[in-house]
Amino acid sequence: MMWLLFPLLIIVIPMVVVAIGLPFAKPMRWIEFSLYKKPVSGMYQLQLPSWMKWFQNPEDGLIGDSRGWYWNTYFPKWVPAWFKMWWWSGVRNPYNYLKRIVIGVDIREYTFHKLIGDDYVRDDFDNCGFQILYAKPKKGWLPRPMLYWVRRWGSSNHGICMQLGWKIKLEHNTSTEKYKWDNFKGCTFEPNPFKDIS
């Protein structure tokens, strides 16, 4: 029975750590939001202190993505800034640095292969399917797997979306990302039986 406490701790630890770190957050640089500019057109990217590195988000900090999508549209306007930052790093993207940088996949150092299934799967109407991929390091031996399964529920806007493993694609064999941090693909655990895939 005690083993049930482990997953609970994994979930709760970033919530507590990020809450402790918020008063010590430091401004890194000004971000002008690229797409969603209302009610706020931009703001300083804040980052957790360096002693909380595994919980940092090196690309987006505490304010969410640079489009402004998270900050301006994810919550109603009345939600306070501290709660948005806590939710982003403590609940929605916990252990971001750990998942992407420490144990993640730098797509420039791996080759990507399909074990079984479709070449391309995404959580939208046109790309439902199933695949198991793996990333093979150019140096070393430990592969990183990815199971991705999306199935629409009839004609509804919802479906099963299951992602387990590293966020890799076959197209990473022939492309690199424009922004440095986007080359790092973290691991994910998303068993969602009723996700909006519209």
Protein backbone atom coordinates (compact mmCIF):
# COMPACT_ATOMS: atom_id res chain seq x y z
CA MET A 1 0.00 0.00 0.00
CA MET A 2 2.89 2.35 0.72
CA TRP A 3 3.97 2.24 -2.94
CA LEU A 4 0.86 4.28 -3.77
CA LEU A 5 2.47 7.21 -1.98
CA PHE A 6 5.28 7.42 -4.56
CA PRO A 7 3.14 8.67 -7.50
CA LEU A 8 1.40 11.06 -5.13
CA LEU A 9 4.75 12.47 -4.00
CA ILE A 10 5.89 12.87 -7.61
CA ILE A 11 2.79 15.00 -8.26
CA VAL A 12 2.86 17.01 -5.02
CA ILE A 13 6.60 17.81 -4.80
CA PRO A 14 6.71 20.32 -7.71
CA MET A 15 3.56 22.03 -6.42
CA VAL A 16 5.24 22.65 -3.07
CA VAL A 17 8.71 23.48 -4.45
CA VAL A 18 7.39 26.00 -7.00
CA ALA A 19 5.21 27.65 -4.34
CA ILE A 20 8.32 28.07 -2.17
CA GLY A 21 10.36 29.40 -5.12
CA LEU A 22 7.90 32.00 -6.42
CA PRO A 23 8.88 34.75 -3.94
CA PHE A 24 12.51 34.29 -5.08
CA ALA A 25 11.76 34.36 -8.82
CA LYS A 26 14.05 36.64 -10.81
CA PRO A 27 13.35 38.55 -14.05
CA MET A 28 15.37 37.24 -17.00
CA ARG A 29 14.32 39.22 -20.08
CA TRP A 30 11.38 41.08 -21.59
CA ILE A 31 9.05 38.95 -23.73
CA GLU A 32 6.80 40.61 -26.30
CA PHE A 33 3.97 38.15 -26.90
CA SER A 34 3.82 37.14 -30.55
CA LEU A 35 0.17 36.15 -30.98
CA TYR A 36 -2.14 36.70 -28.01
CA LYS A 37 -1.56 40.31 -26.98
CA LYS A 38 -4.61 41.09 -24.85
CA PRO A 39 -5.05 41.92 -22.05
CA VAL A 40 -1.21 41.95 -21.72
CA SER A 41 1.07 42.46 -24.75
CA GLY A 42 4.22 41.28 -23.02
CA MET A 43 6.04 40.96 -19.71
CA TYR A 44 9.31 40.04 -18.06
CA GLN A 45 10.10 36.35 -18.20
CA LEU A 46 10.54 35.23 -14.61
CA GLN A 47 12.59 32.20 -13.62
CA LEU A 48 12.81 30.15 -10.45
CA PRO A 49 16.11 30.53 -8.56
CA SER A 50 19.07 28.43 -9.64
CA TRP A 51 18.84 26.16 -6.58
CA MET A 52 15.54 24.93 -8.06
CA LYS A 53 17.04 24.15 -11.46
CA TRP A 54 15.21 20.84 -12.05
CA PHE A 55 11.91 22.70 -11.70
CA GLN A 56 12.85 25.60 -14.01
CA ASN A 57 11.48 26.04 -17.50
CA PRO A 58 14.52 27.23 -19.50
CA GLU A 59 12.48 28.31 -22.51
CA ASP A 60 9.32 29.87 -21.07
CA GLY A 61 10.16 30.62 -17.46
CA LEU A 62 7.15 31.09 -15.20
CA ILE A 63 4.92 33.05 -17.60
CA GLY A 64 4.14 30.43 -20.21
CA ASP A 65 4.81 30.32 -23.92
CA SER A 66 6.04 33.38 -25.85
CA ARG A 67 2.86 33.51 -27.95
CA GLY A 68 0.97 34.80 -24.91
CA TRP A 69 -1.48 31.91 -25.20
CA TYR A 70 -1.04 30.71 -21.65
CA TRP A 71 -0.84 34.09 -19.92
CA ASN A 72 -3.72 35.74 -21.78
CA THR A 73 -6.17 32.95 -22.59
CA TYR A 74 -5.69 29.90 -20.34
CA PHE A 75 -7.34 31.43 -17.26
CA PRO A 76 -10.00 34.12 -16.78
CA LYS A 77 -8.65 37.65 -16.37
CA TRP A 78 -9.34 37.75 -12.62
CA VAL A 79 -6.87 34.90 -11.84
CA PRO A 80 -3.84 36.41 -10.04
CA ALA A 81 -0.38 36.30 -11.61
CA TRP A 82 1.16 34.22 -8.80
CA PHE A 83 -1.42 31.47 -9.36
CA LYS A 84 -0.76 31.43 -13.14
CA MET A 85 2.98 31.05 -12.53
CA TRP A 86 2.46 28.35 -9.90
CA TRP A 87 0.09 26.40 -12.17
CA TRP A 88 2.42 26.67 -15.17
CA SER A 89 5.53 25.31 -13.42
CA GLY A 90 4.09 23.34 -10.53
CA VAL A 91 1.10 21.63 -12.15
CA ARG A 92 1.04 21.93 -15.95
CA ASN A 93 4.80 21.61 -16.63
CA PRO A 94 6.38 20.09 -13.52
CA TYR A 95 10.06 19.10 -13.56
CA ASN A 96 10.50 20.83 -16.95
CA TYR A 97 14.30 21.14 -16.79
CA LEU A 98 14.65 17.61 -15.46
CA LYS A 99 12.39 16.13 -18.15
CA ARG A 100 13.82 18.07 -21.09
CA ILE A 101 17.48 18.67 -20.32
CA VAL A 102 18.63 16.15 -17.71
CA ILE A 103 16.85 13.03 -19.03
CA GLY A 104 15.47 14.46 -22.28
CA VAL A 105 16.43 13.85 -25.89
CA ASP A 106 18.51 16.41 -27.79
CA ILE A 107 17.27 15.66 -31.32
CA ARG A 108 20.66 16.64 -32.77
CA GLU A 109 22.26 13.64 -31.02
CA TYR A 110 19.74 10.89 -31.87
CA THR A 111 18.22 9.09 -34.84
CA PHE A 112 14.50 8.32 -34.82
CA HIS A 113 12.84 5.07 -35.82
CA LYS A 114 9.41 3.48 -35.98
CA LEU A 115 8.90 0.15 -34.26
CA ILE A 116 5.25 -0.25 -35.29
CA GLY A 117 2.23 1.77 -36.40
CA ASP A 118 1.65 4.96 -38.38
CA ASP A 119 4.41 7.34 -39.48
CA TYR A 120 2.57 10.41 -38.20
CA VAL A 121 0.11 10.69 -35.30
CA ARG A 122 -1.22 13.85 -33.67
CA ASP A 123 -4.17 14.66 -31.45
CA ASP A 124 -6.44 16.10 -34.11
CA PHE A 125 -9.21 14.74 -36.38
CA ASP A 126 -6.99 14.15 -39.41
CA ASN A 127 -4.07 12.39 -37.73
CA CYS A 128 -5.58 9.86 -35.34
CA GLY A 129 -3.66 6.60 -35.17
CA PHE A 130 -1.13 4.56 -33.26
CA GLN A 131 2.66 4.43 -33.24
CA ILE A 132 5.60 3.28 -31.18
CA LEU A 133 8.78 5.19 -31.96
CA TYR A 134 12.22 5.14 -30.42
CA ALA A 135 15.17 7.48 -30.39
CA LYS A 136 18.55 5.82 -30.77
CA PRO A 137 21.57 7.78 -29.52
CA LYS A 138 24.35 8.40 -32.06
CA LYS A 139 26.76 7.74 -29.18
CA GLY A 140 25.78 5.32 -26.46
CA TRP A 141 23.19 2.58 -26.34
CA LEU A 142 20.08 3.54 -24.29
CA PRO A 143 17.07 4.11 -26.63
CA ARG A 144 14.16 6.40 -25.64
CA PRO A 145 10.69 5.08 -26.58
CA MET A 146 7.40 6.85 -27.35
CA LEU A 147 3.93 5.34 -27.50
CA TYR A 148 1.35 7.62 -29.11
CA TRP A 149 -2.29 6.59 -29.59
CA VAL A 150 -5.15 8.86 -30.61
CA ARG A 151 -8.68 7.57 -31.32
CA ARG A 152 -11.67 9.84 -31.86
CA TRP A 153 -14.91 9.05 -30.04
CA GLY A 154 -17.37 8.69 -32.95
CA SER A 155 -18.13 12.12 -34.44
CA SER A 156 -17.52 14.05 -31.21
CA ASN A 157 -14.75 16.58 -30.64
CA HIS A 158 -13.12 14.28 -28.10
CA GLY A 159 -11.00 11.17 -28.19
CA ILE A 160 -8.51 8.97 -26.39
CA CYS A 161 -5.06 10.53 -26.37
CA MET A 162 -2.26 8.50 -24.86
CA GLN A 163 1.35 9.67 -24.94
CA LEU A 164 3.91 7.74 -22.93
CA GLY A 165 7.63 8.32 -23.30
CA TRP A 166 9.68 11.01 -25.01
CA LYS A 167 8.06 13.62 -27.30
CA ILE A 168 9.81 12.47 -30.45
CA LYS A 169 8.79 12.36 -34.14
CA LEU A 170 10.23 10.68 -37.20
CA GLU A 171 10.65 14.12 -38.79
CA HIS A 172 13.34 14.90 -36.21
CA ASN A 173 15.68 12.84 -38.42
CA THR A 174 15.75 15.61 -40.99
CA SER A 175 15.15 18.81 -39.06
CA THR A 176 16.35 20.83 -36.12
CA GLU A 177 14.46 23.51 -34.26
CA LYS A 178 14.87 27.25 -34.75
CA TYR A 179 15.19 27.93 -31.03
CA LYS A 180 17.87 26.15 -29.01
CA TRP A 181 15.61 24.85 -26.24
CA ASP A 182 13.14 23.37 -28.74
CA ASN A 183 15.78 20.79 -29.72
CA PHE A 184 15.34 19.17 -26.30
CA LYS A 185 12.36 16.81 -26.15
CA GLY A 186 11.20 15.81 -22.70
CA CYS A 187 9.34 12.78 -21.50
CA THR A 188 5.60 12.81 -20.97
CA PHE A 189 2.89 10.75 -19.35
CA GLU A 190 -0.53 11.65 -20.75
CA PRO A 191 -3.24 9.01 -20.45
CA ASN A 192 -6.27 11.15 -21.38
CA PRO A 193 -9.44 9.20 -22.22
CA PHE A 194 -11.48 12.27 -23.22
CA LYS A 195 -9.24 14.96 -24.74
CA ASP A 196 -10.56 17.70 -27.00
CA ILE A 197 -8.91 16.95 -30.36
CA SER A 198 -10.91 19.41 -32.49
